[in-house]
Amino acid sequence: MSMAAGRPEPRPAPERRRVRIVPGGPMMVEGPVEIVLDDGSTVVSDRFQVALCTCRRSAAYPFCDTSHRRRARRRRPTGEE
């Protein structure tokens, strides 16, 4: 950090990231991102777009693995009335 007249130079404002919430799906974040988890650990992704899980069903949590799409299978009609 350099000093100007005894004061630190201001840091440039961080670049804004776009976040889009997909109804019934993940939170889409423009990357790269650093994610801080509940336990204080961090996960980093350098991808240009990151899907973050909002349903907590993902085996790759905090990243979305499309587990929210899985639904119970419908029973096939047996032909009996």
PDB file of N, CA and C in Angstrom:
ATOM      1  N   MET A   1       0.848  -1.163   0.000  1.00  0.00           N
ATOM      2  CA  MET A   1       0.000   0.000   0.000  1.00  0.00           C
ATOM      3  C   MET A   1       0.897   1.231   0.000  1.00  0.00           C
ATOM      4  N   SER A   2       0.636   2.151  -0.893  1.00  0.00           N
ATOM      5  CA  SER A   2       1.451   3.361  -0.936  1.00  0.00           C
ATOM      6  C   SER A   2       0.769   4.467  -0.136  1.00  0.00           C
ATOM      7  N   MET A   3       1.563   5.403   0.279  1.00  0.00           N
ATOM      8  CA  MET A   3       1.052   6.491   1.102  1.00  0.00           C
ATOM      9  C   MET A   3       1.170   7.796   0.326  1.00  0.00           C
ATOM     10  N   ALA A   4       0.133   8.618   0.381  1.00  0.00           N
ATOM     11  CA  ALA A   4       0.146   9.939  -0.234  1.00  0.00           C
ATOM     12  C   ALA A   4      -0.159  10.949   0.867  1.00  0.00           C
ATOM     13  N   ALA A   5       0.797  11.823   1.152  1.00  0.00           N
ATOM     14  CA  ALA A   5       0.650  12.854   2.190  1.00  0.00           C
ATOM     15  C   ALA A   5       0.266  12.226   3.533  1.00  0.00           C
ATOM     16  N   GLY A   6       0.863  11.074   3.847  1.00  0.00           N
ATOM     17  CA  GLY A   6       0.627  10.442   5.128  1.00  0.00           C
ATOM     18  C   GLY A   6      -0.647   9.620   5.228  1.00  0.00           C
ATOM     19  N   ARG A   7      -1.415   9.561   4.137  1.00  0.00           N
ATOM     20  CA  ARG A   7      -2.663   8.791   4.153  1.00  0.00           C
ATOM     21  C   ARG A   7      -2.578   7.657   3.132  1.00  0.00           C
ATOM     22  N   PRO A   8      -3.169   6.519   3.420  1.00  0.00           N
ATOM     23  CA  PRO A   8      -3.174   5.442   2.429  1.00  0.00           C
ATOM     24  C   PRO A   8      -4.043   5.830   1.241  1.00  0.00           C
ATOM     25  N   GLU A   9      -3.637   5.404   0.063  1.00  0.00           N
ATOM     26  CA  GLU A   9      -4.445   5.658  -1.137  1.00  0.00           C
ATOM     27  C   GLU A   9      -5.699   4.806  -1.080  1.00  0.00           C
ATOM     28  N   PRO A  10      -6.829   5.372  -1.514  1.00  0.00           N
ATOM     29  CA  PRO A  10      -8.069   4.580  -1.494  1.00  0.00           C
ATOM     30  C   PRO A  10      -7.974   3.420  -2.481  1.00  0.00           C
ATOM     31  N   ARG A  11      -8.591   2.312  -2.080  1.00  0.00           N
ATOM     32  CA  ARG A  11      -8.624   1.148  -2.954  1.00  0.00           C
ATOM     33  C   ARG A  11      -9.727   1.333  -3.978  1.00  0.00           C
ATOM     34  N   PRO A  12      -9.516   0.853  -5.201  1.00  0.00           N
ATOM     35  CA  PRO A  12     -10.593   0.960  -6.188  1.00  0.00           C
ATOM     36  C   PRO A  12     -11.783   0.095  -5.761  1.00  0.00           C
ATOM     37  N   ALA A  13     -12.972   0.560  -6.099  1.00  0.00           N
ATOM     38  CA  ALA A  13     -14.176  -0.187  -5.757  1.00  0.00           C
ATOM     39  C   ALA A  13     -14.155  -1.533  -6.468  1.00  0.00           C
ATOM     40  N   PRO A  14     -14.565  -2.607  -5.780  1.00  0.00           N
ATOM     41  CA  PRO A  14     -14.583  -3.909  -6.441  1.00  0.00           C
ATOM     42  C   PRO A  14     -15.608  -3.916  -7.566  1.00  0.00           C
ATOM     43  N   GLU A  15     -15.340  -4.716  -8.568  1.00  0.00           N
ATOM     44  CA  GLU A  15     -16.244  -4.834  -9.707  1.00  0.00           C
ATOM     45  C   GLU A  15     -17.538  -5.498  -9.254  1.00  0.00           C
ATOM     46  N   ARG A  16     -18.659  -4.968  -9.673  1.00  0.00           N
ATOM     47  CA  ARG A  16     -19.949  -5.554  -9.296  1.00  0.00           C
ATOM     48  C   ARG A  16     -20.167  -6.861 -10.036  1.00  0.00           C
ATOM     49  N   ARG A  17     -20.794  -7.790  -9.365  1.00  0.00           N
ATOM     50  CA  ARG A  17     -21.134  -9.085  -9.940  1.00  0.00           C
ATOM     51  C   ARG A  17     -22.644  -9.170 -10.072  1.00  0.00           C
ATOM     52  N   ARG A  18     -23.100  -9.750 -11.160  1.00  0.00           N
ATOM     53  CA  ARG A  18     -24.530  -9.928 -11.369  1.00  0.00           C
ATOM     54  C   ARG A  18     -24.955 -11.243 -10.740  1.00  0.00           C
ATOM     55  N   VAL A  19     -26.041 -11.207  -9.977  1.00  0.00           N
ATOM     56  CA  VAL A  19     -26.609 -12.392  -9.344  1.00  0.00           C
ATOM     57  C   VAL A  19     -28.045 -12.515  -9.836  1.00  0.00           C
ATOM     58  N   ARG A  20     -28.399 -13.715 -10.299  1.00  0.00           N
ATOM     59  CA  ARG A  20     -29.755 -13.957 -10.799  1.00  0.00           C
ATOM     60  C   ARG A  20     -30.315 -15.168 -10.067  1.00  0.00           C
ATOM     61  N   ILE A  21     -31.491 -15.015  -9.469  1.00  0.00           N
ATOM     62  CA  ILE A  21     -32.125 -16.114  -8.755  1.00  0.00           C
ATOM     63  C   ILE A  21     -33.089 -16.795  -9.710  1.00  0.00           C
ATOM     64  N   VAL A  22     -32.909 -18.095  -9.884  1.00  0.00           N
ATOM     65  CA  VAL A  22     -33.754 -18.893 -10.770  1.00  0.00           C
ATOM     66  C   VAL A  22     -34.863 -19.517  -9.922  1.00  0.00           C
ATOM     67  N   PRO A  23     -36.133 -19.177 -10.183  1.00  0.00           N
ATOM     68  CA  PRO A  23     -37.215 -19.755  -9.379  1.00  0.00           C
ATOM     69  C   PRO A  23     -37.167 -21.281  -9.397  1.00  0.00           C
ATOM     70  N   GLY A  24     -37.157 -21.893  -8.224  1.00  0.00           N
ATOM     71  CA  GLY A  24     -37.112 -23.346  -8.119  1.00  0.00           C
ATOM     72  C   GLY A  24     -35.755 -23.934  -8.477  1.00  0.00           C
ATOM     73  N   GLY A  25     -34.757 -23.082  -8.637  1.00  0.00           N
ATOM     74  CA  GLY A  25     -33.439 -23.553  -9.048  1.00  0.00           C
ATOM     75  C   GLY A  25     -32.326 -22.851  -8.311  1.00  0.00           C
ATOM     76  N   PRO A  26     -31.151 -22.775  -8.946  1.00  0.00           N
ATOM     77  CA  PRO A  26     -29.977 -22.211  -8.278  1.00  0.00           C
ATOM     78  C   PRO A  26     -29.921 -20.687  -8.327  1.00  0.00           C
ATOM     79  N   MET A  27     -28.941 -20.155  -7.643  1.00  0.00           N
ATOM     80  CA  MET A  27     -28.613 -18.746  -7.718  1.00  0.00           C
ATOM     81  C   MET A  27     -27.437 -18.655  -8.696  1.00  0.00           C
ATOM     82  N   MET A  28     -27.599 -17.922  -9.780  1.00  0.00           N
ATOM     83  CA  MET A  28     -26.562 -17.794 -10.794  1.00  0.00           C
ATOM     84  C   MET A  28     -25.741 -16.544 -10.502  1.00  0.00           C
ATOM     85  N   VAL A  29     -24.419 -16.727 -10.402  1.00  0.00           N
ATOM     86  CA  VAL A  29     -23.517 -15.631 -10.064  1.00  0.00           C
ATOM     87  C   VAL A  29     -22.449 -15.539 -11.137  1.00  0.00           C
ATOM     88  N   GLU A  30     -22.212 -14.326 -11.640  1.00  0.00           N
ATOM     89  CA  GLU A  30     -21.119 -14.136 -12.585  1.00  0.00           C
ATOM     90  C   GLU A  30     -19.817 -14.299 -11.826  1.00  0.00           C
ATOM     91  N   GLY A  31     -18.931 -15.122 -12.352  1.00  0.00           N
ATOM     92  CA  GLY A  31     -17.674 -15.424 -11.669  1.00  0.00           C
ATOM     93  C   GLY A  31     -16.546 -14.565 -12.174  1.00  0.00           C
ATOM     94  N   PRO A  32     -15.368 -14.783 -11.672  1.00  0.00           N
ATOM     95  CA  PRO A  32     -14.998 -15.756 -10.649  1.00  0.00           C
ATOM     96  C   PRO A  32     -15.504 -15.327  -9.276  1.00  0.00           C
ATOM     97  N   VAL A  33     -15.664 -16.325  -8.384  1.00  0.00           N
ATOM     98  CA  VAL A  33     -16.201 -16.043  -7.050  1.00  0.00           C
ATOM     99  C   VAL A  33     -15.406 -16.758  -5.968  1.00  0.00           C
ATOM    100  N   GLU A  34     -15.490 -16.205  -4.773  1.00  0.00           N
ATOM    101  CA  GLU A  34     -14.997 -16.862  -3.565  1.00  0.00           C
ATOM    102  C   GLU A  34     -16.197 -16.938  -2.635  1.00  0.00           C
ATOM    103  N   ILE A  35     -16.531 -18.139  -2.192  1.00  0.00           N
ATOM    104  CA  ILE A  35     -17.712 -18.371  -1.372  1.00  0.00           C
ATOM    105  C   ILE A  35     -17.261 -18.723   0.035  1.00  0.00           C
ATOM    106  N   VAL A  36     -17.809 -18.023   1.021  1.00  0.00           N
ATOM    107  CA  VAL A  36     -17.508 -18.317   2.427  1.00  0.00           C
ATOM    108  C   VAL A  36     -18.654 -19.172   2.962  1.00  0.00           C
ATOM    109  N   LEU A  37     -18.318 -20.378   3.439  1.00  0.00           N
ATOM    110  CA  LEU A  37     -19.314 -21.314   3.946  1.00  0.00           C
ATOM    111  C   LEU A  37     -19.633 -21.053   5.411  1.00  0.00           C
ATOM    112  N   ASP A  38     -20.661 -21.738   5.928  1.00  0.00           N
ATOM    113  CA  ASP A  38     -21.109 -21.560   7.313  1.00  0.00           C
ATOM    114  C   ASP A  38     -19.986 -21.752   8.327  1.00  0.00           C
ATOM    115  N   ASP A  39     -19.081 -22.692   8.040  1.00  0.00           N
ATOM    116  CA  ASP A  39     -18.010 -22.987   8.998  1.00  0.00           C
ATOM    117  C   ASP A  39     -16.802 -22.066   8.852  1.00  0.00           C
ATOM    118  N   GLY A  40     -16.890 -21.083   7.940  1.00  0.00           N
ATOM    119  CA  GLY A  40     -15.805 -20.128   7.742  1.00  0.00           C
ATOM    120  C   GLY A  40     -14.814 -20.525   6.665  1.00  0.00           C
ATOM    121  N   SER A  41     -14.916 -21.759   6.166  1.00  0.00           N
ATOM    122  CA  SER A  41     -14.026 -22.172   5.079  1.00  0.00           C
ATOM    123  C   SER A  41     -14.461 -21.496   3.783  1.00  0.00           C
ATOM    124  N   THR A  42     -13.566 -21.445   2.815  1.00  0.00           N
ATOM    125  CA  THR A  42     -13.884 -20.796   1.542  1.00  0.00           C
ATOM    126  C   THR A  42     -13.732 -21.777   0.391  1.00  0.00           C
ATOM    127  N   VAL A  43     -14.534 -21.550  -0.630  1.00  0.00           N
ATOM    128  CA  VAL A  43     -14.490 -22.321  -1.867  1.00  0.00           C
ATOM    129  C   VAL A  43     -14.358 -21.301  -2.992  1.00  0.00           C
ATOM    130  N   VAL A  44     -13.490 -21.585  -3.953  1.00  0.00           N
ATOM    131  CA  VAL A  44     -13.232 -20.657  -5.054  1.00  0.00           C
ATOM    132  C   VAL A  44     -13.618 -21.299  -6.380  1.00  0.00           C
ATOM    133  N   SER A  45     -14.205 -20.507  -7.265  1.00  0.00           N
ATOM    134  CA  SER A  45     -14.482 -20.948  -8.628  1.00  0.00           C
ATOM    135  C   SER A  45     -14.047 -19.850  -9.586  1.00  0.00           C
ATOM    136  N   ASP A  46     -13.277 -20.230 -10.590  1.00  0.00           N
ATOM    137  CA  ASP A  46     -12.813 -19.277 -11.597  1.00  0.00           C
ATOM    138  C   ASP A  46     -13.683 -19.292 -12.849  1.00  0.00           C
ATOM    139  N   ARG A  47     -14.776 -20.026 -12.820  1.00  0.00           N
ATOM    140  CA  ARG A  47     -15.678 -20.087 -13.975  1.00  0.00           C
ATOM    141  C   ARG A  47     -16.325 -18.727 -14.214  1.00  0.00           C
ATOM    142  N   PHE A  48     -16.765 -18.491 -15.448  1.00  0.00           N
ATOM    143  CA  PHE A  48     -17.385 -17.197 -15.773  1.00  0.00           C
ATOM    144  C   PHE A  48     -18.808 -17.105 -15.224  1.00  0.00           C
ATOM    145  N   GLN A  49     -19.450 -18.238 -14.964  1.00  0.00           N
ATOM    146  CA  GLN A  49     -20.794 -18.278 -14.398  1.00  0.00           C
ATOM    147  C   GLN A  49     -20.843 -19.442 -13.413  1.00  0.00           C
ATOM    148  N   VAL A  50     -21.367 -19.193 -12.223  1.00  0.00           N
ATOM    149  CA  VAL A  50     -21.410 -20.213 -11.182  1.00  0.00           C
ATOM    150  C   VAL A  50     -22.853 -20.378 -10.725  1.00  0.00           C
ATOM    151  N   ALA A  51     -23.300 -21.637 -10.615  1.00  0.00           N
ATOM    152  CA  ALA A  51     -24.638 -21.944 -10.116  1.00  0.00           C
ATOM    153  C   ALA A  51     -24.503 -22.390  -8.666  1.00  0.00           C
ATOM    154  N   LEU A  52     -25.063 -21.598  -7.758  1.00  0.00           N
ATOM    155  CA  LEU A  52     -25.004 -21.927  -6.337  1.00  0.00           C
ATOM    156  C   LEU A  52     -26.315 -22.572  -5.900  1.00  0.00           C
ATOM    157  N   CYS A  53     -26.202 -23.658  -5.174  1.00  0.00           N
ATOM    158  CA  CYS A  53     -27.355 -24.424  -4.721  1.00  0.00           C
ATOM    159  C   CYS A  53     -28.156 -23.630  -3.699  1.00  0.00           C
ATOM    160  N   THR A  54     -29.479 -23.606  -3.865  1.00  0.00           N
ATOM    161  CA  THR A  54     -30.349 -22.963  -2.882  1.00  0.00           C
ATOM    162  C   THR A  54     -31.260 -23.977  -2.194  1.00  0.00           C
ATOM    163  N   CYS A  55     -31.272 -25.227  -2.673  1.00  0.00           N
ATOM    164  CA  CYS A  55     -32.149 -26.245  -2.079  1.00  0.00           C
ATOM    165  C   CYS A  55     -31.412 -27.121  -1.068  1.00  0.00           C
ATOM    166  N   ARG A  56     -30.082 -27.053  -1.051  1.00  0.00           N
ATOM    167  CA  ARG A  56     -29.214 -27.838  -0.158  1.00  0.00           C
ATOM    168  C   ARG A  56     -29.268 -29.337  -0.422  1.00  0.00           C
ATOM    169  N   ARG A  57     -29.762 -29.757  -1.599  1.00  0.00           N
ATOM    170  CA  ARG A  57     -29.782 -31.181  -1.953  1.00  0.00           C
ATOM    171  C   ARG A  57     -28.545 -31.590  -2.738  1.00  0.00           C
ATOM    172  N   SER A  58     -27.750 -30.641  -3.161  1.00  0.00           N
ATOM    173  CA  SER A  58     -26.612 -30.904  -4.032  1.00  0.00           C
ATOM    174  C   SER A  58     -25.510 -31.692  -3.328  1.00  0.00           C
ATOM    175  N   ALA A  59     -25.004 -32.724  -3.994  1.00  0.00           N
ATOM    176  CA  ALA A  59     -23.857 -33.475  -3.473  1.00  0.00           C
ATOM    177  C   ALA A  59     -22.584 -32.654  -3.622  1.00  0.00           C
ATOM    178  N   ALA A  60     -22.631 -31.607  -4.449  1.00  0.00           N
ATOM    179  CA  ALA A  60     -21.478 -30.740  -4.696  1.00  0.00           C
ATOM    180  C   ALA A  60     -21.647 -29.393  -3.996  1.00  0.00           C
ATOM    181  N   TYR A  61     -22.494 -29.350  -2.955  1.00  0.00           N
ATOM    182  CA  TYR A  61     -22.784 -28.098  -2.262  1.00  0.00           C
ATOM    183  C   TYR A  61     -21.498 -27.377  -1.884  1.00  0.00           C
ATOM    184  N   PRO A  62     -21.364 -26.084  -2.130  1.00  0.00           N
ATOM    185  CA  PRO A  62     -22.385 -25.083  -2.382  1.00  0.00           C
ATOM    186  C   PRO A  62     -22.751 -24.918  -3.855  1.00  0.00           C
ATOM    187  N   PHE A  63     -22.139 -25.715  -4.719  1.00  0.00           N
ATOM    188  CA  PHE A  63     -22.443 -25.614  -6.140  1.00  0.00           C
ATOM    189  C   PHE A  63     -23.654 -26.477  -6.487  1.00  0.00           C
ATOM    190  N   CYS A  64     -24.431 -26.046  -7.452  1.00  0.00           N
ATOM    191  CA  CYS A  64     -25.628 -26.766  -7.866  1.00  0.00           C
ATOM    192  C   CYS A  64     -25.242 -27.956  -8.750  1.00  0.00           C
ATOM    193  N   ASP A  65     -25.854 -29.111  -8.496  1.00  0.00           N
ATOM    194  CA  ASP A  65     -25.665 -30.278  -9.362  1.00  0.00           C
ATOM    195  C   ASP A  65     -26.995 -30.717  -9.984  1.00  0.00           C
ATOM    196  N   THR A  66     -27.955 -29.836 -10.003  1.00  0.00           N
ATOM    197  CA  THR A  66     -29.311 -30.016 -10.550  1.00  0.00           C
ATOM    198  C   THR A  66     -30.156 -31.001  -9.751  1.00  0.00           C
ATOM    199  N   SER A  67     -29.801 -31.265  -8.510  1.00  0.00           N
ATOM    200  CA  SER A  67     -30.610 -32.144  -7.665  1.00  0.00           C
ATOM    201  C   SER A  67     -32.029 -31.607  -7.491  1.00  0.00           C
ATOM    202  N   HIS A  68     -32.200 -30.294  -7.599  1.00  0.00           N
ATOM    203  CA  HIS A  68     -33.528 -29.700  -7.451  1.00  0.00           C
ATOM    204  C   HIS A  68     -34.481 -30.167  -8.547  1.00  0.00           C
ATOM    205  N   ARG A  69     -33.952 -30.690  -9.641  1.00  0.00           N
ATOM    206  CA  ARG A  69     -34.791 -31.155 -10.752  1.00  0.00           C
ATOM    207  C   ARG A  69     -35.377 -32.542 -10.500  1.00  0.00           C
ATOM    208  N   ARG A  70     -34.762 -33.307  -9.615  1.00  0.00           N
ATOM    209  CA  ARG A  70     -35.215 -34.681  -9.375  1.00  0.00           C
ATOM    210  C   ARG A  70     -36.532 -34.663  -8.613  1.00  0.00           C
ATOM    211  N   ARG A  71     -37.472 -35.380  -9.156  1.00  0.00           N
ATOM    212  CA  ARG A  71     -38.790 -35.469  -8.536  1.00  0.00           C
ATOM    213  C   ARG A  71     -39.173 -36.936  -8.441  1.00  0.00           C
ATOM    214  N   ALA A  72     -40.133 -37.220  -7.605  1.00  0.00           N
ATOM    215  CA  ALA A  72     -40.624 -38.598  -7.512  1.00  0.00           C
ATOM    216  C   ALA A  72     -41.255 -38.970  -8.846  1.00  0.00           C
ATOM    217  N   ARG A  73     -40.994 -40.193  -9.289  1.00  0.00           N
ATOM    218  CA  ARG A  73     -41.579 -40.648 -10.552  1.00  0.00           C
ATOM    219  C   ARG A  73     -43.074 -40.893 -10.396  1.00  0.00           C
ATOM    220  N   ARG A  74     -43.769 -40.550 -11.439  1.00  0.00           N
ATOM    221  CA  ARG A  74     -45.205 -40.822 -11.447  1.00  0.00           C
ATOM    222  C   ARG A  74     -45.419 -42.285 -11.779  1.00  0.00           C
ATOM    223  N   ARG A  75     -46.443 -42.838 -11.190  1.00  0.00           N
ATOM    224  CA  ARG A  75     -46.774 -44.239 -11.492  1.00  0.00           C
ATOM    225  C   ARG A  75     -47.420 -44.297 -12.860  1.00  0.00           C
ATOM    226  N   ARG A  76     -47.071 -45.346 -13.594  1.00  0.00           N
ATOM    227  CA  ARG A  76     -47.688 -45.545 -14.911  1.00  0.00           C
ATOM    228  C   ARG A  76     -49.061 -46.166 -14.721  1.00  0.00           C
ATOM    229  N   PRO A  77     -50.005 -45.762 -15.551  1.00  0.00           N
ATOM    230  CA  PRO A  77     -51.345 -46.378 -15.460  1.00  0.00           C
ATOM    231  C   PRO A  77     -51.229 -47.868 -15.794  1.00  0.00           C
ATOM    232  N   THR A  78     -51.960 -48.692 -15.068  1.00  0.00           N
ATOM    233  CA  THR A  78     -51.903 -50.142 -15.287  1.00  0.00           C
ATOM    234  C   THR A  78     -52.909 -50.593 -16.331  1.00  0.00           C
ATOM    235  N   GLY A  79     -53.797 -49.724 -16.740  1.00  0.00           N
ATOM    236  CA  GLY A  79     -54.810 -50.089 -17.722  1.00  0.00           C
ATOM    237  C   GLY A  79     -56.100 -50.547 -17.075  1.00  0.00           C
ATOM    238  N   GLU A  80     -56.076 -50.728 -15.771  1.00  0.00           N
ATOM    239  CA  GLU A  80     -57.286 -51.111 -15.063  1.00  0.00           C
ATOM    240  C   GLU A  80     -58.064 -49.871 -14.681  1.00  0.00           C
ATOM    241  N   GLU A  81     -59.374 -49.978 -14.732  1.00  0.00           N
ATOM    242  CA  GLU A  81     -60.209 -48.828 -14.359  1.00  0.00           C
ATOM    243  C   GLU A  81     -60.858 -49.031 -13.056  1.00  0.00           C
TER     244      GLU A  81
END
